[in-house]
Amino acid sequence: DLEHVIADLVWSDLTLCEKDITVAYKKLVKAFCRQYKVKAP
């Protein structure tokens, strides 16, 4: 769920590079869109 995804990403070793942001976004948007029934931007 979204709450667990957020926690995992905050306590991960991701950095602010485009590659890592893309990884974080894919995980976050998947949980968000599943929970709120919206299309992924």
PDB file of all heavy atoms in Angstrom:
ATOM      1  N   ASP A   1       0.840  -1.198   0.000  1.00  0.00           N
ATOM      2  CA  ASP A   1       0.000   0.000   0.000  1.00  0.00           C
ATOM      3  C   ASP A   1       0.875   1.248   0.000  1.00  0.00           C
ATOM      4  O   ASP A   1       2.091   1.186   0.179  1.00  0.00           O
ATOM      5  CB  ASP A   1      -0.978   0.000   1.177  1.00  0.00           C
ATOM      6  CG  ASP A   1      -0.286  -0.068   2.533  1.00  0.00           C
ATOM      7  OD1 ASP A   1       0.873   0.386   2.631  1.00  0.00           O
ATOM      8  OD2 ASP A   1      -0.893  -0.566   3.491  1.00  0.00           O
ATOM      9  N   LEU A   2       0.232   2.394  -0.201  1.00  0.00           N
ATOM     10  CA  LEU A   2       0.954   3.655  -0.358  1.00  0.00           C
ATOM     11  C   LEU A   2       1.813   3.965   0.864  1.00  0.00           C
ATOM     12  O   LEU A   2       2.962   4.411   0.733  1.00  0.00           O
ATOM     13  CB  LEU A   2      -0.034   4.787  -0.615  1.00  0.00           C
ATOM     14  CG  LEU A   2       0.558   6.167  -0.899  1.00  0.00           C
ATOM     15  CD1 LEU A   2       1.416   6.140  -2.157  1.00  0.00           C
ATOM     16  CD2 LEU A   2      -0.548   7.209  -1.051  1.00  0.00           C
ATOM     17  N   GLU A   3       1.269   3.743   2.053  1.00  0.00           N
ATOM     18  CA  GLU A   3       1.989   4.043   3.288  1.00  0.00           C
ATOM     19  C   GLU A   3       3.303   3.269   3.371  1.00  0.00           C
ATOM     20  O   GLU A   3       4.349   3.820   3.716  1.00  0.00           O
ATOM     21  CB  GLU A   3       1.107   3.707   4.490  1.00  0.00           C
ATOM     22  CG  GLU A   3       1.723   4.065   5.826  1.00  0.00           C
ATOM     23  CD  GLU A   3       0.803   3.763   6.999  1.00  0.00           C
ATOM     24  OE1 GLU A   3      -0.366   3.411   6.774  1.00  0.00           O
ATOM     25  OE2 GLU A   3       1.274   3.872   8.148  1.00  0.00           O
ATOM     26  N   HIS A   4       3.266   1.977   3.020  1.00  0.00           N
ATOM     27  CA  HIS A   4       4.482   1.159   3.081  1.00  0.00           C
ATOM     28  C   HIS A   4       5.479   1.562   1.995  1.00  0.00           C
ATOM     29  O   HIS A   4       6.694   1.555   2.221  1.00  0.00           O
ATOM     30  CB  HIS A   4       4.125  -0.324   2.942  1.00  0.00           C
ATOM     31  CG  HIS A   4       3.547  -0.922   4.174  1.00  0.00           C
ATOM     32  ND1 HIS A   4       2.195  -0.929   4.433  1.00  0.00           N
ATOM     33  CD2 HIS A   4       4.137  -1.519   5.244  1.00  0.00           C
ATOM     34  CE1 HIS A   4       1.973  -1.510   5.588  1.00  0.00           C
ATOM     35  NE2 HIS A   4       3.128  -1.869   6.118  1.00  0.00           N
ATOM     36  N   VAL A   5       4.973   1.914   0.818  1.00  0.00           N
ATOM     37  CA  VAL A   5       5.853   2.337  -0.271  1.00  0.00           C
ATOM     38  C   VAL A   5       6.606   3.607   0.113  1.00  0.00           C
ATOM     39  O   VAL A   5       7.816   3.718  -0.093  1.00  0.00           O
ATOM     40  CB  VAL A   5       5.052   2.566  -1.572  1.00  0.00           C
ATOM     41  CG1 VAL A   5       5.932   3.226  -2.640  1.00  0.00           C
ATOM     42  CG2 VAL A   5       4.511   1.253  -2.102  1.00  0.00           C
ATOM     43  N   ILE A   6       5.885   4.578   0.694  1.00  0.00           N
ATOM     44  CA  ILE A   6       6.510   5.828   1.121  1.00  0.00           C
ATOM     45  C   ILE A   6       7.606   5.565   2.147  1.00  0.00           C
ATOM     46  O   ILE A   6       8.719   6.093   2.041  1.00  0.00           O
ATOM     47  CB  ILE A   6       5.453   6.792   1.698  1.00  0.00           C
ATOM     48  CG1 ILE A   6       4.487   7.247   0.605  1.00  0.00           C
ATOM     49  CG2 ILE A   6       6.129   8.012   2.341  1.00  0.00           C
ATOM     50  CD1 ILE A   6       3.283   8.013   1.120  1.00  0.00           C
ATOM     51  N   ALA A   7       7.280   4.749   3.144  1.00  0.00           N
ATOM     52  CA  ALA A   7       8.257   4.431   4.199  1.00  0.00           C
ATOM     53  C   ALA A   7       9.497   3.754   3.621  1.00  0.00           C
ATOM     54  O   ALA A   7      10.634   4.102   3.980  1.00  0.00           O
ATOM     55  CB  ALA A   7       7.608   3.538   5.249  1.00  0.00           C
ATOM     56  N   ASP A   8       9.287   2.807   2.719  1.00  0.00           N
ATOM     57  CA  ASP A   8      10.425   2.095   2.108  1.00  0.00           C
ATOM     58  C   ASP A   8      11.310   3.050   1.309  1.00  0.00           C
ATOM     59  O   ASP A   8      12.546   2.945   1.350  1.00  0.00           O
ATOM     60  CB  ASP A   8       9.919   0.973   1.192  1.00  0.00           C
ATOM     61  CG  ASP A   8       9.349  -0.205   1.966  1.00  0.00           C
ATOM     62  OD1 ASP A   8       9.612  -0.293   3.185  1.00  0.00           O
ATOM     63  OD2 ASP A   8       8.646  -1.030   1.353  1.00  0.00           O
ATOM     64  N   LEU A   9      10.701   3.985   0.601  1.00  0.00           N
ATOM     65  CA  LEU A   9      11.477   4.915  -0.221  1.00  0.00           C
ATOM     66  C   LEU A   9      12.235   5.925   0.636  1.00  0.00           C
ATOM     67  O   LEU A   9      13.395   6.248   0.345  1.00  0.00           O
ATOM     68  CB  LEU A   9      10.549   5.651  -1.195  1.00  0.00           C
ATOM     69  CG  LEU A   9       9.951   4.798  -2.321  1.00  0.00           C
ATOM     70  CD1 LEU A   9       8.918   5.595  -3.117  1.00  0.00           C
ATOM     71  CD2 LEU A   9      11.047   4.286  -3.258  1.00  0.00           C
ATOM     72  N   VAL A  10      11.587   6.412   1.693  1.00  0.00           N
ATOM     73  CA  VAL A  10      12.245   7.393   2.574  1.00  0.00           C
ATOM     74  C   VAL A  10      13.475   6.784   3.239  1.00  0.00           C
ATOM     75  O   VAL A  10      14.494   7.455   3.409  1.00  0.00           O
ATOM     76  CB  VAL A  10      11.254   7.911   3.642  1.00  0.00           C
ATOM     77  CG1 VAL A  10      11.989   8.677   4.734  1.00  0.00           C
ATOM     78  CG2 VAL A  10      10.209   8.801   2.996  1.00  0.00           C
ATOM     79  N   TRP A  11      13.384   5.506   3.604  1.00  0.00           N
ATOM     80  CA  TRP A  11      14.490   4.847   4.304  1.00  0.00           C
ATOM     81  C   TRP A  11      15.351   4.008   3.366  1.00  0.00           C
ATOM     82  O   TRP A  11      16.079   3.123   3.802  1.00  0.00           O
ATOM     83  CB  TRP A  11      13.961   3.995   5.452  1.00  0.00           C
ATOM     84  CG  TRP A  11      13.321   4.842   6.504  1.00  0.00           C
ATOM     85  CD1 TRP A  11      11.994   5.016   6.735  1.00  0.00           C
ATOM     86  CD2 TRP A  11      14.000   5.682   7.453  1.00  0.00           C
ATOM     87  NE1 TRP A  11      11.785   5.907   7.751  1.00  0.00           N
ATOM     88  CE2 TRP A  11      12.997   6.327   8.228  1.00  0.00           C
ATOM     89  CE3 TRP A  11      15.350   5.942   7.735  1.00  0.00           C
ATOM     90  CZ2 TRP A  11      13.309   7.225   9.240  1.00  0.00           C
ATOM     91  CZ3 TRP A  11      15.654   6.838   8.741  1.00  0.00           C
ATOM     92  CH2 TRP A  11      14.641   7.459   9.485  1.00  0.00           C
ATOM     93  N   SER A  12      15.283   4.305   2.073  1.00  0.00           N
ATOM     94  CA  SER A  12      16.123   3.610   1.100  1.00  0.00           C
ATOM     95  C   SER A  12      17.436   4.369   0.921  1.00  0.00           C
ATOM     96  O   SER A  12      17.728   5.311   1.663  1.00  0.00           O
ATOM     97  CB  SER A  12      15.388   3.506  -0.242  1.00  0.00           C
ATOM     98  OG  SER A  12      15.266   4.799  -0.829  1.00  0.00           O
ATOM     99  N   ASP A  13      18.204   3.985  -0.093  1.00  0.00           N
ATOM    100  CA  ASP A  13      19.454   4.691  -0.380  1.00  0.00           C
ATOM    101  C   ASP A  13      19.363   5.456  -1.704  1.00  0.00           C
ATOM    102  O   ASP A  13      20.379   5.748  -2.340  1.00  0.00           O
ATOM    103  CB  ASP A  13      20.642   3.721  -0.404  1.00  0.00           C
ATOM    104  CG  ASP A  13      20.460   2.599  -1.421  1.00  0.00           C
ATOM    105  OD1 ASP A  13      19.369   2.540  -2.056  1.00  0.00           O
ATOM    106  OD2 ASP A  13      21.386   1.786  -1.590  1.00  0.00           O
ATOM    107  N   LEU A  14      18.143   5.788  -2.115  1.00  0.00           N
ATOM    108  CA  LEU A  14      17.945   6.525  -3.363  1.00  0.00           C
ATOM    109  C   LEU A  14      18.539   7.930  -3.276  1.00  0.00           C
ATOM    110  O   LEU A  14      18.557   8.544  -2.216  1.00  0.00           O
ATOM    111  CB  LEU A  14      16.456   6.625  -3.690  1.00  0.00           C
ATOM    112  CG  LEU A  14      15.734   5.319  -4.049  1.00  0.00           C
ATOM    113  CD1 LEU A  14      14.243   5.567  -4.167  1.00  0.00           C
ATOM    114  CD2 LEU A  14      16.280   4.733  -5.340  1.00  0.00           C
ATOM    115  N   THR A  15      18.998   8.429  -4.398  1.00  0.00           N
ATOM    116  CA  THR A  15      19.567   9.774  -4.467  1.00  0.00           C
ATOM    117  C   THR A  15      18.712  10.640  -5.413  1.00  0.00           C
ATOM    118  O   THR A  15      17.790  10.147  -6.057  1.00  0.00           O
ATOM    119  CB  THR A  15      21.010   9.742  -4.994  1.00  0.00           C
ATOM    120  OG1 THR A  15      21.007   9.288  -6.362  1.00  0.00           O
ATOM    121  CG2 THR A  15      21.871   8.801  -4.152  1.00  0.00           C
ATOM    122  N   LEU A  16      19.056  11.915  -5.509  1.00  0.00           N
ATOM    123  CA  LEU A  16      18.310  12.824  -6.376  1.00  0.00           C
ATOM    124  C   LEU A  16      18.907  12.874  -7.780  1.00  0.00           C
ATOM    125  O   LEU A  16      19.168  13.941  -8.339  1.00  0.00           O
ATOM    126  CB  LEU A  16      18.272  14.228  -5.770  1.00  0.00           C
ATOM    127  CG  LEU A  16      17.537  14.365  -4.432  1.00  0.00           C
ATOM    128  CD1 LEU A  16      17.477  15.824  -4.012  1.00  0.00           C
ATOM    129  CD2 LEU A  16      16.131  13.784  -4.522  1.00  0.00           C
ATOM    130  N   CYS A  17      19.094  11.711  -8.365  1.00  0.00           N
ATOM    131  CA  CYS A  17      19.485  11.645  -9.771  1.00  0.00           C
ATOM    132  C   CYS A  17      18.261  11.163 -10.554  1.00  0.00           C
ATOM    133  O   CYS A  17      17.350  10.557  -9.982  1.00  0.00           O
ATOM    134  CB  CYS A  17      20.675  10.698  -9.981  1.00  0.00           C
ATOM    135  SG  CYS A  17      20.300   8.952  -9.698  1.00  0.00           S
ATOM    136  N   GLU A  18      18.228  11.429 -11.828  1.00  0.00           N
ATOM    137  CA  GLU A  18      17.047  11.110 -12.626  1.00  0.00           C
ATOM    138  C   GLU A  18      16.723   9.615 -12.592  1.00  0.00           C
ATOM    139  O   GLU A  18      15.547   9.226 -12.535  1.00  0.00           O
ATOM    140  CB  GLU A  18      17.240  11.578 -14.069  1.00  0.00           C
ATOM    141  CG  GLU A  18      17.236  13.094 -14.220  1.00  0.00           C
ATOM    142  CD  GLU A  18      17.242  13.541 -15.670  1.00  0.00           C
ATOM    143  OE1 GLU A  18      17.096  12.668 -16.569  1.00  0.00           O
ATOM    144  OE2 GLU A  18      17.391  14.751 -15.920  1.00  0.00           O
ATOM    145  N   LYS A  19      17.732   8.782 -12.615  1.00  0.00           N
ATOM    146  CA  LYS A  19      17.505   7.333 -12.599  1.00  0.00           C
ATOM    147  C   LYS A  19      16.815   6.898 -11.314  1.00  0.00           C
ATOM    148  O   LYS A  19      15.822   6.151 -11.342  1.00  0.00           O
ATOM    149  CB  LYS A  19      18.845   6.601 -12.742  1.00  0.00           C
ATOM    150  CG  LYS A  19      18.711   5.082 -12.753  1.00  0.00           C
ATOM    151  CD  LYS A  19      20.067   4.420 -12.905  1.00  0.00           C
ATOM    152  CE  LYS A  19      19.938   2.895 -12.858  1.00  0.00           C
ATOM    153  NZ  LYS A  19      21.271   2.224 -12.969  1.00  0.00           N
ATOM    154  N   ASP A  20      17.299   7.366 -10.167  1.00  0.00           N
ATOM    155  CA  ASP A  20      16.713   6.981  -8.877  1.00  0.00           C
ATOM    156  C   ASP A  20      15.325   7.593  -8.685  1.00  0.00           C
ATOM    157  O   ASP A  20      14.429   6.956  -8.117  1.00  0.00           O
ATOM    158  CB  ASP A  20      17.630   7.409  -7.729  1.00  0.00           C
ATOM    159  CG  ASP A  20      18.806   6.458  -7.551  1.00  0.00           C
ATOM    160  OD1 ASP A  20      18.910   5.498  -8.340  1.00  0.00           O
ATOM    161  OD2 ASP A  20      19.615   6.673  -6.632  1.00  0.00           O
ATOM    162  N   ILE A  21      15.152   8.830  -9.140  1.00  0.00           N
ATOM    163  CA  ILE A  21      13.837   9.475  -9.030  1.00  0.00           C
ATOM    164  C   ILE A  21      12.809   8.698  -9.859  1.00  0.00           C
ATOM    165  O   ILE A  21      11.665   8.521  -9.434  1.00  0.00           O
ATOM    166  CB  ILE A  21      13.907  10.940  -9.491  1.00  0.00           C
ATOM    167  CG1 ILE A  21      14.752  11.760  -8.518  1.00  0.00           C
ATOM    168  CG2 ILE A  21      12.504  11.545  -9.589  1.00  0.00           C
ATOM    169  CD1 ILE A  21      15.025  13.179  -8.976  1.00  0.00           C
ATOM    170  N   THR A  22      13.226   8.224 -11.021  1.00  0.00           N
ATOM    171  CA  THR A  22      12.335   7.430 -11.867  1.00  0.00           C
ATOM    172  C   THR A  22      11.926   6.138 -11.175  1.00  0.00           C
ATOM    173  O   THR A  22      10.755   5.733 -11.213  1.00  0.00           O
ATOM    174  CB  THR A  22      13.013   7.106 -13.216  1.00  0.00           C
ATOM    175  OG1 THR A  22      13.353   8.330 -13.878  1.00  0.00           O
ATOM    176  CG2 THR A  22      12.089   6.285 -14.107  1.00  0.00           C
ATOM    177  N   VAL A  23      12.880   5.498 -10.503  1.00  0.00           N
ATOM    178  CA  VAL A  23      12.591   4.265  -9.751  1.00  0.00           C
ATOM    179  C   VAL A  23      11.577   4.559  -8.642  1.00  0.00           C
ATOM    180  O   VAL A  23      10.591   3.832  -8.465  1.00  0.00           O
ATOM    181  CB  VAL A  23      13.887   3.677  -9.149  1.00  0.00           C
ATOM    182  CG1 VAL A  23      13.561   2.560  -8.155  1.00  0.00           C
ATOM    183  CG2 VAL A  23      14.795   3.152 -10.255  1.00  0.00           C
ATOM    184  N   ALA A  24      11.831   5.632  -7.898  1.00  0.00           N
ATOM    185  CA  ALA A  24      10.937   6.009  -6.797  1.00  0.00           C
ATOM    186  C   ALA A  24       9.548   6.339  -7.332  1.00  0.00           C
ATOM    187  O   ALA A  24       8.530   5.929  -6.755  1.00  0.00           O
ATOM    188  CB  ALA A  24      11.510   7.205  -6.039  1.00  0.00           C
ATOM    189  N   TYR A  25       9.499   7.075  -8.429  1.00  0.00           N
ATOM    190  CA  TYR A  25       8.214   7.488  -9.005  1.00  0.00           C
ATOM    191  C   TYR A  25       7.393   6.278  -9.442  1.00  0.00           C
ATOM    192  O   TYR A  25       6.183   6.216  -9.189  1.00  0.00           O
ATOM    193  CB  TYR A  25       8.442   8.420 -10.185  1.00  0.00           C
ATOM    194  CG  TYR A  25       7.152   8.887 -10.826  1.00  0.00           C
ATOM    195  CD1 TYR A  25       6.359   9.855 -10.213  1.00  0.00           C
ATOM    196  CD2 TYR A  25       6.706   8.336 -12.037  1.00  0.00           C
ATOM    197  CE1 TYR A  25       5.166  10.280 -10.787  1.00  0.00           C
ATOM    198  CE2 TYR A  25       5.524   8.753 -12.616  1.00  0.00           C
ATOM    199  CZ  TYR A  25       4.756   9.719 -11.986  1.00  0.00           C
ATOM    200  OH  TYR A  25       3.575  10.121 -12.549  1.00  0.00           O
ATOM    201  N   LYS A  26       8.018   5.329 -10.098  1.00  0.00           N
ATOM    202  CA  LYS A  26       7.302   4.144 -10.581  1.00  0.00           C
ATOM    203  C   LYS A  26       6.663   3.374  -9.430  1.00  0.00           C
ATOM    204  O   LYS A  26       5.517   2.912  -9.525  1.00  0.00           O
ATOM    205  CB  LYS A  26       8.250   3.234 -11.368  1.00  0.00           C
ATOM    206  CG  LYS A  26       8.595   3.766 -12.752  1.00  0.00           C
ATOM    207  CD  LYS A  26       9.519   2.813 -13.501  1.00  0.00           C
ATOM    208  CE  LYS A  26       9.812   3.326 -14.903  1.00  0.00           C
ATOM    209  NZ  LYS A  26      10.730   2.414 -15.636  1.00  0.00           N
ATOM    210  N   LYS A  27       7.393   3.242  -8.332  1.00  0.00           N
ATOM    211  CA  LYS A  27       6.859   2.528  -7.172  1.00  0.00           C
ATOM    212  C   LYS A  27       5.731   3.322  -6.519  1.00  0.00           C
ATOM    213  O   LYS A  27       4.690   2.771  -6.149  1.00  0.00           O
ATOM    214  CB  LYS A  27       7.973   2.270  -6.150  1.00  0.00           C
ATOM    215  CG  LYS A  27       9.023   1.278  -6.614  1.00  0.00           C
ATOM    216  CD  LYS A  27      10.093   1.068  -5.556  1.00  0.00           C
ATOM    217  CE  LYS A  27      11.116   0.042  -6.012  1.00  0.00           C
ATOM    218  NZ  LYS A  27      12.193  -0.169  -4.991  1.00  0.00           N
ATOM    219  N   LEU A  28       5.953   4.623  -6.392  1.00  0.00           N
ATOM    220  CA  LEU A  28       4.976   5.475  -5.721  1.00  0.00           C
ATOM    221  C   LEU A  28       3.697   5.617  -6.538  1.00  0.00           C
ATOM    222  O   LEU A  28       2.586   5.485  -6.004  1.00  0.00           O
ATOM    223  CB  LEU A  28       5.589   6.855  -5.470  1.00  0.00           C
ATOM    224  CG  LEU A  28       4.842   7.788  -4.511  1.00  0.00           C
ATOM    225  CD1 LEU A  28       4.837   7.218  -3.106  1.00  0.00           C
ATOM    226  CD2 LEU A  28       5.492   9.163  -4.506  1.00  0.00           C
ATOM    227  N   VAL A  29       3.840   5.871  -7.828  1.00  0.00           N
ATOM    228  CA  VAL A  29       2.665   6.109  -8.671  1.00  0.00           C
ATOM    229  C   VAL A  29       1.831   4.838  -8.814  1.00  0.00           C
ATOM    230  O   VAL A  29       0.594   4.895  -8.920  1.00  0.00           O
ATOM    231  CB  VAL A  29       3.086   6.658 -10.051  1.00  0.00           C
ATOM    232  CG1 VAL A  29       3.630   5.557 -10.958  1.00  0.00           C
ATOM    233  CG2 VAL A  29       1.915   7.366 -10.728  1.00  0.00           C
ATOM    234  N   LYS A  30       2.473   3.690  -8.797  1.00  0.00           N
ATOM    235  CA  LYS A  30       1.734   2.425  -8.894  1.00  0.00           C
ATOM    236  C   LYS A  30       0.816   2.249  -7.689  1.00  0.00           C
ATOM    237  O   LYS A  30      -0.367   1.919  -7.836  1.00  0.00           O
ATOM    238  CB  LYS A  30       2.719   1.255  -8.991  1.00  0.00           C
ATOM    239  CG  LYS A  30       2.051  -0.087  -9.213  1.00  0.00           C
ATOM    240  CD  LYS A  30       3.096  -1.186  -9.374  1.00  0.00           C
ATOM    241  CE  LYS A  30       2.423  -2.541  -9.598  1.00  0.00           C
ATOM    242  NZ  LYS A  30       3.438  -3.624  -9.754  1.00  0.00           N
ATOM    243  N   ALA A  31       1.357   2.485  -6.490  1.00  0.00           N
ATOM    244  CA  ALA A  31       0.553   2.349  -5.267  1.00  0.00           C
ATOM    245  C   ALA A  31      -0.505   3.440  -5.184  1.00  0.00           C
ATOM    246  O   ALA A  31      -1.651   3.184  -4.787  1.00  0.00           O
ATOM    247  CB  ALA A  31       1.468   2.395  -4.044  1.00  0.00           C
ATOM    248  N   PHE A  32      -0.127   4.660  -5.561  1.00  0.00           N
ATOM    249  CA  PHE A  32      -1.062   5.796  -5.495  1.00  0.00           C
ATOM    250  C   PHE A  32      -2.246   5.586  -6.434  1.00  0.00           C
ATOM    251  O   PHE A  32      -3.411   5.757  -6.034  1.00  0.00           O
ATOM    252  CB  PHE A  32      -0.330   7.088  -5.852  1.00  0.00           C
ATOM    253  CG  PHE A  32      -1.184   8.318  -5.778  1.00  0.00           C
ATOM    254  CD1 PHE A  32      -1.264   9.055  -4.606  1.00  0.00           C
ATOM    255  CD2 PHE A  32      -1.920   8.745  -6.881  1.00  0.00           C
ATOM    256  CE1 PHE A  32      -2.066  10.190  -4.528  1.00  0.00           C
ATOM    257  CE2 PHE A  32      -2.721   9.879  -6.814  1.00  0.00           C
ATOM    258  CZ  PHE A  32      -2.790  10.595  -5.631  1.00  0.00           C
ATOM    259  N   CYS A  33      -1.965   5.238  -7.664  1.00  0.00           N
ATOM    260  CA  CYS A  33      -3.035   5.083  -8.658  1.00  0.00           C
ATOM    261  C   CYS A  33      -3.932   3.887  -8.349  1.00  0.00           C
ATOM    262  O   CYS A  33      -5.128   3.925  -8.620  1.00  0.00           O
ATOM    263  CB  CYS A  33      -2.428   4.951 -10.053  1.00  0.00           C
ATOM    264  SG  CYS A  33      -1.614   6.459 -10.630  1.00  0.00           S
ATOM    265  N   ARG A  34      -3.358   2.844  -7.780  1.00  0.00           N
ATOM    266  CA  ARG A  34      -4.170   1.686  -7.378  1.00  0.00           C
ATOM    267  C   ARG A  34      -5.108   2.074  -6.240  1.00  0.00           C
ATOM    268  O   ARG A  34      -6.275   1.680  -6.222  1.00  0.00           O
ATOM    269  CB  ARG A  34      -3.262   0.534  -6.952  1.00  0.00           C
ATOM    270  CG  ARG A  34      -4.020  -0.736  -6.575  1.00  0.00           C
ATOM    271  CD  ARG A  34      -3.092  -1.914  -6.361  1.00  0.00           C
ATOM    272  NE  ARG A  34      -2.131  -1.679  -5.320  1.00  0.00           N
ATOM    273  CZ  ARG A  34      -0.814  -1.635  -5.491  1.00  0.00           C
ATOM    274  NH1 ARG A  34      -0.297  -1.794  -6.690  1.00  0.00           N
ATOM    275  NH2 ARG A  34       0.007  -1.408  -4.480  1.00  0.00           N
ATOM    276  N   GLN A  35      -4.597   2.871  -5.296  1.00  0.00           N
ATOM    277  CA  GLN A  35      -5.395   3.247  -4.129  1.00  0.00           C
ATOM    278  C   GLN A  35      -6.487   4.260  -4.467  1.00  0.00           C
ATOM    279  O   GLN A  35      -7.600   4.169  -3.939  1.00  0.00           O
ATOM    280  CB  GLN A  35      -4.482   3.817  -3.044  1.00  0.00           C
ATOM    281  CG  GLN A  35      -5.203   4.188  -1.752  1.00  0.00           C
ATOM    282  CD  GLN A  35      -4.228   4.406  -0.610  1.00  0.00           C
ATOM    283  OE1 GLN A  35      -3.220   3.705  -0.486  1.00  0.00           O
ATOM    284  NE2 GLN A  35      -4.523   5.371   0.249  1.00  0.00           N
ATOM    285  N   TYR A  36      -6.179   5.219  -5.354  1.00  0.00           N
ATOM    286  CA  TYR A  36      -7.125   6.306  -5.622  1.00  0.00           C
ATOM    287  C   TYR A  36      -7.813   6.215  -6.983  1.00  0.00           C
ATOM    288  O   TYR A  36      -8.568   7.117  -7.348  1.00  0.00           O
ATOM    289  CB  TYR A  36      -6.421   7.655  -5.470  1.00  0.00           C
ATOM    290  CG  TYR A  36      -5.999   7.917  -4.058  1.00  0.00           C
ATOM    291  CD1 TYR A  36      -4.654   7.825  -3.677  1.00  0.00           C
ATOM    292  CD2 TYR A  36      -6.936   8.228  -3.078  1.00  0.00           C
ATOM    293  CE1 TYR A  36      -4.267   8.053  -2.359  1.00  0.00           C
ATOM    294  CE2 TYR A  36      -6.554   8.455  -1.764  1.00  0.00           C
ATOM    295  CZ  TYR A  36      -5.218   8.360  -1.413  1.00  0.00           C
ATOM    296  OH  TYR A  36      -4.823   8.579  -0.108  1.00  0.00           O
ATOM    297  N   LYS A  37      -7.525   5.154  -7.713  1.00  0.00           N
ATOM    298  CA  LYS A  37      -8.209   4.891  -8.991  1.00  0.00           C
ATOM    299  C   LYS A  37      -8.043   6.049  -9.980  1.00  0.00           C
ATOM    300  O   LYS A  37      -9.003   6.560 -10.565  1.00  0.00           O
ATOM    301  CB  LYS A  37      -9.712   4.645  -8.753  1.00  0.00           C
ATOM    302  CG  LYS A  37     -10.017   3.558  -7.746  1.00  0.00           C
ATOM    303  CD  LYS A  37      -9.590   2.192  -8.255  1.00  0.00           C
ATOM    304  CE  LYS A  37     -10.050   1.063  -7.336  1.00  0.00           C
ATOM    305  NZ  LYS A  37      -9.446   1.062  -6.002  1.00  0.00           N
ATOM    306  N   VAL A  38      -6.810   6.469 -10.160  1.00  0.00           N
ATOM    307  CA  VAL A  38      -6.511   7.522 -11.134  1.00  0.00           C
ATOM    308  C   VAL A  38      -5.495   7.007 -12.152  1.00  0.00           C
ATOM    309  O   VAL A  38      -4.763   6.043 -11.896  1.00  0.00           O
ATOM    310  CB  VAL A  38      -5.957   8.800 -10.455  1.00  0.00           C
ATOM    311  CG1 VAL A  38      -6.991   9.419  -9.547  1.00  0.00           C
ATOM    312  CG2 VAL A  38      -4.674   8.495  -9.697  1.00  0.00           C
ATOM    313  N   LYS A  39      -5.450   7.657 -13.281  1.00  0.00           N
ATOM    314  CA  LYS A  39      -4.515   7.307 -14.339  1.00  0.00           C
ATOM    315  C   LYS A  39      -3.126   7.848 -14.000  1.00  0.00           C
ATOM    316  O   LYS A  39      -3.001   8.964 -13.482  1.00  0.00           O
ATOM    317  CB  LYS A  39      -5.005   7.901 -15.668  1.00  0.00           C
ATOM    318  CG  LYS A  39      -4.089   7.645 -16.853  1.00  0.00           C
ATOM    319  CD  LYS A  39      -4.629   8.370 -18.080  1.00  0.00           C
ATOM    320  CE  LYS A  39      -3.664   8.249 -19.248  1.00  0.00           C
ATOM    321  NZ  LYS A  39      -4.150   9.032 -20.418  1.00  0.00           N
ATOM    322  N   ALA A  40      -2.096   7.075 -14.285  1.00  0.00           N
ATOM    323  CA  ALA A  40      -0.725   7.481 -13.959  1.00  0.00           C
ATOM    324  C   ALA A  40      -0.201   8.520 -14.944  1.00  0.00           C
ATOM    325  O   ALA A  40      -0.182   8.279 -16.149  1.00  0.00           O
ATOM    326  CB  ALA A  40       0.193   6.264 -13.964  1.00  0.00           C
ATOM    327  N   PRO A  41       0.221   9.695 -14.432  1.00  0.00           N
ATOM    328  CA  PRO A  41       0.821  10.710 -15.324  1.00  0.00           C
ATOM    329  C   PRO A  41       2.230  10.283 -15.746  1.00  0.00           C
ATOM    330  O   PRO A  41       2.917   9.564 -15.023  1.00  0.00           O
ATOM    331  CB  PRO A  41       0.881  11.963 -14.441  1.00  0.00           C
ATOM    332  CG  PRO A  41       0.096  11.642 -13.209  1.00  0.00           C
ATOM    333  CD  PRO A  41       0.128  10.166 -13.048  1.00  0.00           C
TER     334      PRO A  41
END
